[in-house]
PDB file of all heavy atoms in Angstrom:
ATOM      1  N   ALA A   1     -11.473  34.286  16.396  1.00  0.00           N
ATOM      2  CA  ALA A   1     -11.932  33.410  15.441  1.00  0.00           C
ATOM      3  C   ALA A   1     -12.515  34.230  14.278  1.00  0.00           C
ATOM      4  O   ALA A   1     -11.759  34.604  13.457  1.00  0.00           O
ATOM      5  CB  ALA A   1     -13.154  32.674  16.047  1.00  0.00           C
ATOM      6  N   PHE A   2     -13.833  34.622  14.375  1.00  0.00           N
ATOM      7  CA  PHE A   2     -14.491  35.463  13.388  1.00  0.00           C
ATOM      8  C   PHE A   2     -15.456  36.256  14.048  1.00  0.00           C
ATOM      9  O   PHE A   2     -15.879  35.953  15.044  1.00  0.00           O
ATOM     10  CB  PHE A   2     -14.962  34.678  12.071  1.00  0.00           C
ATOM     11  CG  PHE A   2     -16.084  33.657  12.402  1.00  0.00           C
ATOM     12  CD1 PHE A   2     -17.465  34.111  12.423  1.00  0.00           C
ATOM     13  CD2 PHE A   2     -15.783  32.391  12.680  1.00  0.00           C
ATOM     14  CE1 PHE A   2     -18.507  33.300  12.617  1.00  0.00           C
ATOM     15  CE2 PHE A   2     -16.805  31.359  12.955  1.00  0.00           C
ATOM     16  CZ  PHE A   2     -18.190  31.898  12.904  1.00  0.00           C
ATOM     17  N   VAL A   3     -15.895  37.319  13.368  1.00  0.00           N
ATOM     18  CA  VAL A   3     -17.035  38.144  13.826  1.00  0.00           C
ATOM     19  C   VAL A   3     -18.211  37.735  13.036  1.00  0.00           C
ATOM     20  O   VAL A   3     -18.237  37.833  11.787  1.00  0.00           O
ATOM     21  CB  VAL A   3     -16.661  39.630  13.792  1.00  0.00           C
ATOM     22  CG1 VAL A   3     -17.922  40.485  14.245  1.00  0.00           C
ATOM     23  CG2 VAL A   3     -15.457  39.909  14.619  1.00  0.00           C
ATOM     24  N   TYR A   4     -19.274  37.438  13.699  1.00  0.00           N
ATOM     25  CA  TYR A   4     -20.523  37.029  12.996  1.00  0.00           C
ATOM     26  C   TYR A   4     -21.398  38.253  12.879  1.00  0.00           C
ATOM     27  O   TYR A   4     -21.872  38.819  13.836  1.00  0.00           O
ATOM     28  CB  TYR A   4     -21.329  36.016  13.910  1.00  0.00           C
ATOM     29  CG  TYR A   4     -22.522  35.332  13.381  1.00  0.00           C
ATOM     30  CD1 TYR A   4     -22.733  33.935  13.553  1.00  0.00           C
ATOM     31  CD2 TYR A   4     -23.447  36.027  12.676  1.00  0.00           C
ATOM     32  CE1 TYR A   4     -23.851  33.299  12.937  1.00  0.00           C
ATOM     33  CE2 TYR A   4     -24.541  35.442  12.217  1.00  0.00           C
ATOM     34  CZ  TYR A   4     -24.746  34.096  12.377  1.00  0.00           C
ATOM     35  OH  TYR A   4     -25.850  33.440  11.842  1.00  0.00           O
ATOM     36  N   VAL A   5     -21.566  38.666  11.619  1.00  0.00           N
ATOM     37  CA  VAL A   5     -22.306  39.940  11.295  1.00  0.00           C
ATOM     38  C   VAL A   5     -23.790  39.399  11.078  1.00  0.00           C
ATOM     39  O   VAL A   5     -24.043  38.756  10.002  1.00  0.00           O
ATOM     40  CB  VAL A   5     -21.772  40.510  10.107  1.00  0.00           C
ATOM     41  CG1 VAL A   5     -22.580  41.772   9.699  1.00  0.00           C
ATOM     42  CG2 VAL A   5     -20.316  41.060  10.424  1.00  0.00           C
ATOM     43  N   VAL A   6     -24.690  39.756  11.830  1.00  0.00           N
ATOM     44  CA  VAL A   6     -26.095  39.474  11.664  1.00  0.00           C
ATOM     45  C   VAL A   6     -26.609  40.502  10.677  1.00  0.00           C
ATOM     46  O   VAL A   6     -26.439  41.668  10.895  1.00  0.00           O
ATOM     47  CB  VAL A   6     -26.885  39.523  13.051  1.00  0.00           C
ATOM     48  CG1 VAL A   6     -28.324  39.361  12.790  1.00  0.00           C
ATOM     49  CG2 VAL A   6     -26.337  38.554  14.072  1.00  0.00           C
ATOM     50  N   SER A   7     -27.173  40.034   9.580  1.00  0.00           N
ATOM     51  CA  SER A   7     -27.337  40.961   8.420  1.00  0.00           C
ATOM     52  C   SER A   7     -28.553  41.830   8.693  1.00  0.00           C
ATOM     53  O   SER A   7     -28.646  42.851   8.080  1.00  0.00           O
ATOM     54  CB  SER A   7     -27.763  40.054   7.296  1.00  0.00           C
ATOM     55  OG  SER A   7     -28.995  39.376   7.395  1.00  0.00           O
ATOM     56  N   SER A   8     -29.411  41.601   9.495  1.00  0.00           N
ATOM     57  CA  SER A   8     -30.601  42.457   9.838  1.00  0.00           C
ATOM     58  C   SER A   8     -31.336  42.077  11.176  1.00  0.00           C
ATOM     59  O   SER A   8     -30.833  41.142  11.790  1.00  0.00           O
ATOM     60  CB  SER A   8     -31.610  42.360   8.731  1.00  0.00           C
ATOM     61  OG  SER A   8     -32.240  41.096   8.802  1.00  0.00           O
ATOM     62  N   ASN A   9     -32.344  42.744  11.428  1.00  0.00           N
ATOM     63  CA  ASN A   9     -33.181  42.458  12.558  1.00  0.00           C
ATOM     64  C   ASN A   9     -34.191  41.362  12.474  1.00  0.00           C
ATOM     65  O   ASN A   9     -34.940  40.991  13.277  1.00  0.00           O
ATOM     66  CB  ASN A   9     -33.914  43.721  13.087  1.00  0.00           C
ATOM     67  CG  ASN A   9     -32.910  44.753  13.543  1.00  0.00           C
ATOM     68  OD1 ASN A   9     -31.899  44.505  14.034  1.00  0.00           O
ATOM     69  ND2 ASN A   9     -33.299  46.046  13.340  1.00  0.00           N
ATOM     70  N   ALA A  10     -34.310  40.811  11.094  1.00  0.00           N
ATOM     71  CA  ALA A  10     -35.157  39.781  10.841  1.00  0.00           C
ATOM     72  C   ALA A  10     -34.677  38.472  11.475  1.00  0.00           C
ATOM     73  O   ALA A  10     -33.530  38.294  11.931  1.00  0.00           O
ATOM     74  CB  ALA A  10     -35.236  39.629   9.289  1.00  0.00           C
ATOM     75  N   ILE A  11     -35.587  37.505  11.482  1.00  0.00           N
ATOM     76  CA  ILE A  11     -35.302  36.197  11.959  1.00  0.00           C
ATOM     77  C   ILE A  11     -34.504  35.514  10.947  1.00  0.00           C
ATOM     78  O   ILE A  11     -34.628  35.771   9.719  1.00  0.00           O
ATOM     79  CB  ILE A  11     -36.520  35.386  12.399  1.00  0.00           C
ATOM     80  CG1 ILE A  11     -37.492  35.177  11.155  1.00  0.00           C
ATOM     81  CG2 ILE A  11     -37.250  36.050  13.584  1.00  0.00           C
ATOM     82  CD1 ILE A  11     -38.513  34.117  11.432  1.00  0.00           C
ATOM     83  N   THR A  12     -33.682  34.468  11.325  1.00  0.00           N
ATOM     84  CA  THR A  12     -32.906  33.779  10.408  1.00  0.00           C
ATOM     85  C   THR A  12     -33.833  33.106   9.436  1.00  0.00           C
ATOM     86  O   THR A  12     -34.884  32.456   9.754  1.00  0.00           O
ATOM     87  CB  THR A  12     -31.890  32.731  11.082  1.00  0.00           C
ATOM     88  OG1 THR A  12     -31.142  32.183  10.135  1.00  0.00           O
ATOM     89  CG2 THR A  12     -32.605  31.791  11.897  1.00  0.00           C
ATOM     90  N   GLY A  13     -33.397  33.064   8.132  1.00  0.00           N
ATOM     91  CA  GLY A  13     -34.196  32.266   7.120  1.00  0.00           C
ATOM     92  C   GLY A  13     -35.509  33.058   6.644  1.00  0.00           C
ATOM     93  O   GLY A  13     -36.161  32.541   5.875  1.00  0.00           O
ATOM     94  N   GLY A  14     -35.722  34.246   7.285  1.00  0.00           N
ATOM     95  CA  GLY A  14     -36.958  34.903   6.942  1.00  0.00           C
ATOM     96  C   GLY A  14     -36.942  35.984   5.887  1.00  0.00           C
ATOM     97  O   GLY A  14     -37.937  36.538   5.557  1.00  0.00           O
ATOM     98  N   GLN A  15     -35.785  36.286   5.431  1.00  0.00           N
ATOM     99  CA  GLN A  15     -35.680  37.340   4.420  1.00  0.00           C
ATOM    100  C   GLN A  15     -35.696  36.823   2.990  1.00  0.00           C
ATOM    101  O   GLN A  15     -35.381  35.629   2.832  1.00  0.00           O
ATOM    102  CB  GLN A  15     -34.345  38.070   4.582  1.00  0.00           C
ATOM    103  CG  GLN A  15     -34.242  38.854   5.883  1.00  0.00           C
ATOM    104  CD  GLN A  15     -32.853  39.549   5.973  1.00  0.00           C
ATOM    105  OE1 GLN A  15     -32.036  39.120   6.718  1.00  0.00           O
ATOM    106  NE2 GLN A  15     -32.633  40.469   5.184  1.00  0.00           N
ATOM    107  N   ASN A  16     -36.105  37.663   2.059  1.00  0.00           N
ATOM    108  CA  ASN A  16     -36.123  37.251   0.631  1.00  0.00           C
ATOM    109  C   ASN A  16     -34.925  37.803  -0.079  1.00  0.00           C
ATOM    110  O   ASN A  16     -34.502  37.119  -1.089  1.00  0.00           O
ATOM    111  CB  ASN A  16     -37.508  37.839   0.057  1.00  0.00           C
ATOM    112  CG  ASN A  16     -38.576  37.127   0.495  1.00  0.00           C
ATOM    113  OD1 ASN A  16     -38.568  35.917   0.853  1.00  0.00           O
ATOM    114  ND2 ASN A  16     -39.795  37.799   0.648  1.00  0.00           N
ATOM    115  N   SER A  17     -34.372  38.874   0.244  1.00  0.00           N
ATOM    116  CA  SER A  17     -33.199  39.400  -0.392  1.00  0.00           C
ATOM    117  C   SER A  17     -32.349  40.351   0.431  1.00  0.00           C
ATOM    118  O   SER A  17     -32.783  40.580   1.673  1.00  0.00           O
ATOM    119  CB  SER A  17     -33.678  40.151  -1.642  1.00  0.00           C
ATOM    120  OG  SER A  17     -34.406  41.318  -1.264  1.00  0.00           O
ATOM    121  N   ILE A  18     -31.163  40.705   0.077  1.00  0.00           N
ATOM    122  CA  ILE A  18     -30.366  41.626   0.781  1.00  0.00           C
ATOM    123  C   ILE A  18     -30.700  43.025   0.268  1.00  0.00           C
ATOM    124  O   ILE A  18     -30.456  43.274  -1.005  1.00  0.00           O
ATOM    125  CB  ILE A  18     -28.885  41.287   0.611  1.00  0.00           C
ATOM    126  CG1 ILE A  18     -28.645  39.972   1.324  1.00  0.00           C
ATOM    127  CG2 ILE A  18     -27.989  42.333   1.365  1.00  0.00           C
ATOM    128  CD1 ILE A  18     -27.363  39.360   1.233  1.00  0.00           C
ATOM    129  N   GLU A  19     -31.176  43.937   1.125  1.00  0.00           N
ATOM    130  CA  GLU A  19     -31.559  45.267   0.790  1.00  0.00           C
ATOM    131  C   GLU A  19     -30.350  46.230   0.747  1.00  0.00           C
ATOM    132  O   GLU A  19     -29.249  45.920   1.299  1.00  0.00           O
ATOM    133  CB  GLU A  19     -32.587  45.782   1.767  1.00  0.00           C
ATOM    134  CG  GLU A  19     -33.752  44.897   1.965  1.00  0.00           C
ATOM    135  CD  GLU A  19     -34.649  44.815   0.687  1.00  0.00           C
ATOM    136  OE1 GLU A  19     -34.717  45.786  -0.067  1.00  0.00           O
ATOM    137  OE2 GLU A  19     -35.209  43.801   0.385  1.00  0.00           O
ATOM    138  N   ASP A  20     -30.523  47.323   0.191  1.00  0.00           N
ATOM    139  CA  ASP A  20     -29.453  48.321  -0.021  1.00  0.00           C
ATOM    140  C   ASP A  20     -28.932  48.901   1.420  1.00  0.00           C
ATOM    141  O   ASP A  20     -27.727  49.130   1.647  1.00  0.00           O
ATOM    142  CB  ASP A  20     -29.950  49.594  -0.763  1.00  0.00           C
ATOM    143  CG  ASP A  20     -29.978  49.240  -2.222  1.00  0.00           C
ATOM    144  OD1 ASP A  20     -29.333  48.302  -2.679  1.00  0.00           O
ATOM    145  OD2 ASP A  20     -30.644  50.011  -2.989  1.00  0.00           O
ATOM    146  N   THR A  21     -29.821  48.999   2.430  1.00  0.00           N
ATOM    147  CA  THR A  21     -29.427  49.452   3.757  1.00  0.00           C
ATOM    148  C   THR A  21     -28.488  48.318   4.370  1.00  0.00           C
ATOM    149  O   THR A  21     -27.579  48.740   5.069  1.00  0.00           O
ATOM    150  CB  THR A  21     -30.669  49.720   4.696  1.00  0.00           C
ATOM    151  OG1 THR A  21     -31.488  48.355   4.662  1.00  0.00           O
ATOM    152  CG2 THR A  21     -31.470  50.816   4.247  1.00  0.00           C
ATOM    153  N   GLN A  22     -28.756  47.085   4.056  1.00  0.00           N
ATOM    154  CA  GLN A  22     -27.834  46.004   4.615  1.00  0.00           C
ATOM    155  C   GLN A  22     -26.550  46.146   3.860  1.00  0.00           C
ATOM    156  O   GLN A  22     -25.537  46.014   4.519  1.00  0.00           O
ATOM    157  CB  GLN A  22     -28.503  44.592   4.369  1.00  0.00           C
ATOM    158  CG  GLN A  22     -29.787  44.410   5.259  1.00  0.00           C
ATOM    159  CD  GLN A  22     -30.421  43.148   4.755  1.00  0.00           C
ATOM    160  OE1 GLN A  22     -31.129  43.204   3.753  1.00  0.00           O
ATOM    161  NE2 GLN A  22     -30.193  42.075   5.538  1.00  0.00           N
ATOM    162  N   LYS A  23     -26.465  46.351   2.514  1.00  0.00           N
ATOM    163  CA  LYS A  23     -25.228  46.475   1.879  1.00  0.00           C
ATOM    164  C   LYS A  23     -24.357  47.649   2.411  1.00  0.00           C
ATOM    165  O   LYS A  23     -23.169  47.493   2.603  1.00  0.00           O
ATOM    166  CB  LYS A  23     -25.416  46.716   0.385  1.00  0.00           C
ATOM    167  CG  LYS A  23     -26.049  45.542  -0.228  1.00  0.00           C
ATOM    168  CD  LYS A  23     -26.389  45.746  -1.744  1.00  0.00           C
ATOM    169  CE  LYS A  23     -27.132  44.587  -2.306  1.00  0.00           C
ATOM    170  NZ  LYS A  23     -27.465  44.877  -3.843  1.00  0.00           N
ATOM    171  N   GLN A  24     -25.095  48.767   2.805  1.00  0.00           N
ATOM    172  CA  GLN A  24     -24.395  49.851   3.480  1.00  0.00           C
ATOM    173  C   GLN A  24     -23.750  49.480   4.772  1.00  0.00           C
ATOM    174  O   GLN A  24     -22.652  49.814   5.043  1.00  0.00           O
ATOM    175  CB  GLN A  24     -25.334  51.004   3.549  1.00  0.00           C
ATOM    176  CG  GLN A  24     -25.803  51.728   2.239  1.00  0.00           C
ATOM    177  CD  GLN A  24     -26.895  52.693   2.485  1.00  0.00           C
ATOM    178  OE1 GLN A  24     -27.335  52.936   3.592  1.00  0.00           O
ATOM    179  NE2 GLN A  24     -27.399  53.131   1.359  1.00  0.00           N
ATOM    180  N   TYR A  25     -24.480  48.729   5.471  1.00  0.00           N
ATOM    181  CA  TYR A  25     -24.016  48.183   6.805  1.00  0.00           C
ATOM    182  C   TYR A  25     -22.807  47.246   6.566  1.00  0.00           C
ATOM    183  O   TYR A  25     -21.812  47.422   7.231  1.00  0.00           O
ATOM    184  CB  TYR A  25     -25.262  47.476   7.520  1.00  0.00           C
ATOM    185  CG  TYR A  25     -24.844  46.544   8.560  1.00  0.00           C
ATOM    186  CD1 TYR A  25     -24.183  46.926   9.700  1.00  0.00           C
ATOM    187  CD2 TYR A  25     -25.347  45.210   8.590  1.00  0.00           C
ATOM    188  CE1 TYR A  25     -23.841  45.930  10.713  1.00  0.00           C
ATOM    189  CE2 TYR A  25     -25.119  44.281   9.575  1.00  0.00           C
ATOM    190  CZ  TYR A  25     -24.417  44.671  10.627  1.00  0.00           C
ATOM    191  OH  TYR A  25     -24.100  43.736  11.636  1.00  0.00           O
ATOM    192  N   PHE A  26     -22.947  46.423   5.558  1.00  0.00           N
ATOM    193  CA  PHE A  26     -21.869  45.502   5.313  1.00  0.00           C
ATOM    194  C   PHE A  26     -20.622  46.382   4.833  1.00  0.00           C
ATOM    195  O   PHE A  26     -19.492  45.889   5.301  1.00  0.00           O
ATOM    196  CB  PHE A  26     -22.183  44.507   4.204  1.00  0.00           C
ATOM    197  CG  PHE A  26     -23.423  43.563   4.530  1.00  0.00           C
ATOM    198  CD1 PHE A  26     -24.081  43.066   3.454  1.00  0.00           C
ATOM    199  CD2 PHE A  26     -23.772  43.373   5.775  1.00  0.00           C
ATOM    200  CE1 PHE A  26     -25.177  42.159   3.641  1.00  0.00           C
ATOM    201  CE2 PHE A  26     -24.909  42.488   5.981  1.00  0.00           C
ATOM    202  CZ  PHE A  26     -25.570  41.941   4.946  1.00  0.00           C
ATOM    203  N   GLN A  27     -20.733  47.276   4.080  1.00  0.00           N
ATOM    204  CA  GLN A  27     -19.639  48.161   3.647  1.00  0.00           C
ATOM    205  C   GLN A  27     -19.018  48.737   4.783  1.00  0.00           C
ATOM    206  O   GLN A  27     -17.753  48.972   4.857  1.00  0.00           O
ATOM    207  CB  GLN A  27     -20.073  49.125   2.537  1.00  0.00           C
ATOM    208  CG  GLN A  27     -18.903  49.861   1.858  1.00  0.00           C
ATOM    209  CD  GLN A  27     -18.023  48.987   1.166  1.00  0.00           C
ATOM    210  OE1 GLN A  27     -18.414  48.191   0.289  1.00  0.00           O
ATOM    211  NE2 GLN A  27     -16.656  49.061   1.529  1.00  0.00           N
ATOM    212  N   LYS A  28     -19.878  49.318   5.710  1.00  0.00           N
ATOM    213  CA  LYS A  28     -19.260  49.941   6.987  1.00  0.00           C
ATOM    214  C   LYS A  28     -18.389  49.083   7.629  1.00  0.00           C
ATOM    215  O   LYS A  28     -17.346  49.385   8.118  1.00  0.00           O
ATOM    216  CB  LYS A  28     -20.473  50.436   7.891  1.00  0.00           C
ATOM    217  CG  LYS A  28     -19.997  51.002   9.234  1.00  0.00           C
ATOM    218  CD  LYS A  28     -21.268  51.168  10.049  1.00  0.00           C
ATOM    219  CE  LYS A  28     -20.809  51.113  11.561  1.00  0.00           C
ATOM    220  NZ  LYS A  28     -21.858  51.151  12.486  1.00  0.00           N
ATOM    221  N   ILE A  29     -18.846  47.724   7.791  1.00  0.00           N
ATOM    222  CA  ILE A  29     -18.021  46.752   8.572  1.00  0.00           C
ATOM    223  C   ILE A  29     -16.747  46.509   7.736  1.00  0.00           C
ATOM    224  O   ILE A  29     -15.675  46.457   8.442  1.00  0.00           O
ATOM    225  CB  ILE A  29     -18.860  45.454   8.879  1.00  0.00           C
ATOM    226  CG1 ILE A  29     -20.144  45.828   9.636  1.00  0.00           C
ATOM    227  CG2 ILE A  29     -18.044  44.432   9.557  1.00  0.00           C
ATOM    228  CD1 ILE A  29     -19.879  46.485  10.932  1.00  0.00           C
ATOM    229  N   LYS A  30     -16.863  46.315   6.464  1.00  0.00           N
ATOM    230  CA  LYS A  30     -15.681  46.032   5.769  1.00  0.00           C
ATOM    231  C   LYS A  30     -14.695  47.122   5.774  1.00  0.00           C
ATOM    232  O   LYS A  30     -13.498  46.940   5.848  1.00  0.00           O
ATOM    233  CB  LYS A  30     -16.149  45.792   4.182  1.00  0.00           C
ATOM    234  CG  LYS A  30     -15.091  45.418   3.312  1.00  0.00           C
ATOM    235  CD  LYS A  30     -15.578  45.132   1.895  1.00  0.00           C
ATOM    236  CE  LYS A  30     -14.555  44.676   0.956  1.00  0.00           C
ATOM    237  NZ  LYS A  30     -15.030  44.278  -0.413  1.00  0.00           N
ATOM    238  N   ASP A  31     -15.192  48.388   5.709  1.00  0.00           N
ATOM    239  CA  ASP A  31     -14.276  49.585   5.870  1.00  0.00           C
ATOM    240  C   ASP A  31     -13.559  49.723   7.155  1.00  0.00           C
ATOM    241  O   ASP A  31     -12.527  50.477   7.274  1.00  0.00           O
ATOM    242  CB  ASP A  31     -15.054  50.809   5.481  1.00  0.00           C
ATOM    243  CG  ASP A  31     -15.596  51.021   4.062  1.00  0.00           C
ATOM    244  OD1 ASP A  31     -14.964  50.207   3.250  1.00  0.00           O
ATOM    245  OD2 ASP A  31     -16.390  51.758   3.778  1.00  0.00           O
ATOM    246  N   MET A  32     -14.064  49.064   8.151  1.00  0.00           N
ATOM    247  CA  MET A  32     -13.490  49.088   9.564  1.00  0.00           C
ATOM    248  C   MET A  32     -12.235  48.286   9.518  1.00  0.00           C
ATOM    249  O   MET A  32     -11.386  48.415  10.467  1.00  0.00           O
ATOM    250  CB  MET A  32     -14.424  48.573  10.618  1.00  0.00           C
ATOM    251  CG  MET A  32     -15.542  49.519  10.824  1.00  0.00           C
ATOM    252  SD  MET A  32     -16.759  48.870  12.102  1.00  0.00           S
ATOM    253  CE  MET A  32     -15.792  49.069  13.598  1.00  0.00           C
ATOM    254  N   SER A  33     -11.968  47.449   8.638  1.00  0.00           N
ATOM    255  CA  SER A  33     -10.621  46.659   8.489  1.00  0.00           C
ATOM    256  C   SER A  33     -10.332  45.923   9.797  1.00  0.00           C
ATOM    257  O   SER A  33      -9.272  46.041  10.431  1.00  0.00           O
ATOM    258  CB  SER A  33      -9.449  47.466   8.068  1.00  0.00           C
ATOM    259  OG  SER A  33      -9.755  48.133   6.845  1.00  0.00           O
ATOM    260  N   LEU A  34     -11.286  45.177  10.242  1.00  0.00           N
ATOM    261  CA  LEU A  34     -11.152  44.382  11.592  1.00  0.00           C
ATOM    262  C   LEU A  34     -10.070  43.323  11.348  1.00  0.00           C
ATOM    263  O   LEU A  34      -9.726  42.879  10.236  1.00  0.00           O
ATOM    264  CB  LEU A  34     -12.463  43.653  11.893  1.00  0.00           C
ATOM    265  CG  LEU A  34     -13.751  44.603  11.967  1.00  0.00           C
ATOM    266  CD1 LEU A  34     -14.994  43.785  12.388  1.00  0.00           C
ATOM    267  CD2 LEU A  34     -13.429  45.589  13.130  1.00  0.00           C
ATOM    268  N   LYS A  35      -9.443  43.029  12.579  1.00  0.00           N
ATOM    269  CA  LYS A  35      -8.427  41.973  12.473  1.00  0.00           C
ATOM    270  C   LYS A  35      -8.839  40.664  12.267  1.00  0.00           C
ATOM    271  O   LYS A  35      -8.204  39.747  11.814  1.00  0.00           O
ATOM    272  CB  LYS A  35      -7.568  41.992  13.827  1.00  0.00           C
ATOM    273  CG  LYS A  35      -8.277  41.445  14.974  1.00  0.00           C
ATOM    274  CD  LYS A  35      -7.316  41.413  16.236  1.00  0.00           C
ATOM    275  CE  LYS A  35      -8.066  40.836  17.464  1.00  0.00           C
ATOM    276  NZ  LYS A  35      -7.857  39.457  17.660  1.00  0.00           N
ATOM    277  N   ASN A  36     -10.062  40.304  12.651  1.00  0.00           N
ATOM    278  CA  ASN A  36     -10.704  38.995  12.432  1.00  0.00           C
ATOM    279  C   ASN A  36     -11.479  38.850  11.254  1.00  0.00           C
ATOM    280  O   ASN A  36     -12.008  39.938  10.798  1.00  0.00           O
ATOM    281  CB  ASN A  36     -11.660  38.694  13.696  1.00  0.00           C
ATOM    282  CG  ASN A  36     -10.863  38.441  14.973  1.00  0.00           C
ATOM    283  OD1 ASN A  36     -10.168  37.438  15.054  1.00  0.00           O
ATOM    284  ND2 ASN A  36     -10.973  39.378  15.877  1.00  0.00           N
ATOM    285  N   PRO A  37     -11.654  37.749  10.623  1.00  0.00           N
ATOM    286  CA  PRO A  37     -12.481  37.563   9.395  1.00  0.00           C
ATOM    287  C   PRO A  37     -13.960  37.916   9.919  1.00  0.00           C
ATOM    288  O   PRO A  37     -14.319  37.748  11.081  1.00  0.00           O
ATOM    289  CB  PRO A  37     -12.413  36.020   9.133  1.00  0.00           C
ATOM    290  CG  PRO A  37     -11.181  35.542   9.743  1.00  0.00           C
ATOM    291  CD  PRO A  37     -10.899  36.493  10.990  1.00  0.00           C
ATOM    292  N   VAL A  38     -14.722  38.392   8.897  1.00  0.00           N
ATOM    293  CA  VAL A  38     -16.082  38.746   9.079  1.00  0.00           C
ATOM    294  C   VAL A  38     -16.979  37.772   8.239  1.00  0.00           C
ATOM    295  O   VAL A  38     -16.677  37.482   7.102  1.00  0.00           O
ATOM    296  CB  VAL A  38     -16.302  40.189   8.539  1.00  0.00           C
ATOM    297  CG1 VAL A  38     -17.714  40.553   8.550  1.00  0.00           C
ATOM    298  CG2 VAL A  38     -15.565  41.157   9.463  1.00  0.00           C
ATOM    299  N   VAL A  39     -17.948  37.217   8.907  1.00  0.00           N
ATOM    300  CA  VAL A  39     -18.814  36.272   8.194  1.00  0.00           C
ATOM    301  C   VAL A  39     -20.204  36.780   8.482  1.00  0.00           C
ATOM    302  O   VAL A  39     -20.631  37.210   9.582  1.00  0.00           O
ATOM    303  CB  VAL A  39     -18.604  34.899   8.769  1.00  0.00           C
ATOM    304  CG1 VAL A  39     -19.579  33.839   8.171  1.00  0.00           C
ATOM    305  CG2 VAL A  39     -17.196  34.443   8.646  1.00  0.00           C
ATOM    306  N   ILE A  40     -20.992  36.862   7.364  1.00  0.00           N
ATOM    307  CA  ILE A  40     -22.386  37.332   7.384  1.00  0.00           C
ATOM    308  C   ILE A  40     -23.380  36.179   7.520  1.00  0.00           C
ATOM    309  O   ILE A  40     -23.296  35.193   6.734  1.00  0.00           O
ATOM    310  CB  ILE A  40     -22.608  38.220   6.147  1.00  0.00           C
ATOM    311  CG1 ILE A  40     -21.697  39.496   6.270  1.00  0.00           C
ATOM    312  CG2 ILE A  40     -24.170  38.662   6.192  1.00  0.00           C
ATOM    313  CD1 ILE A  40     -21.833  40.384   4.912  1.00  0.00           C
TER     314      ILE A  40
END
């Protein structure tokens, strides 16, 4: 189906913005070229 990428250790709906460390994590996942779609 798809891989659900949890953006951080925060609770859902509790964050104010996406931080640089999260963007680095997202880029790492993107660079892995997974076979399934990735949804954050």
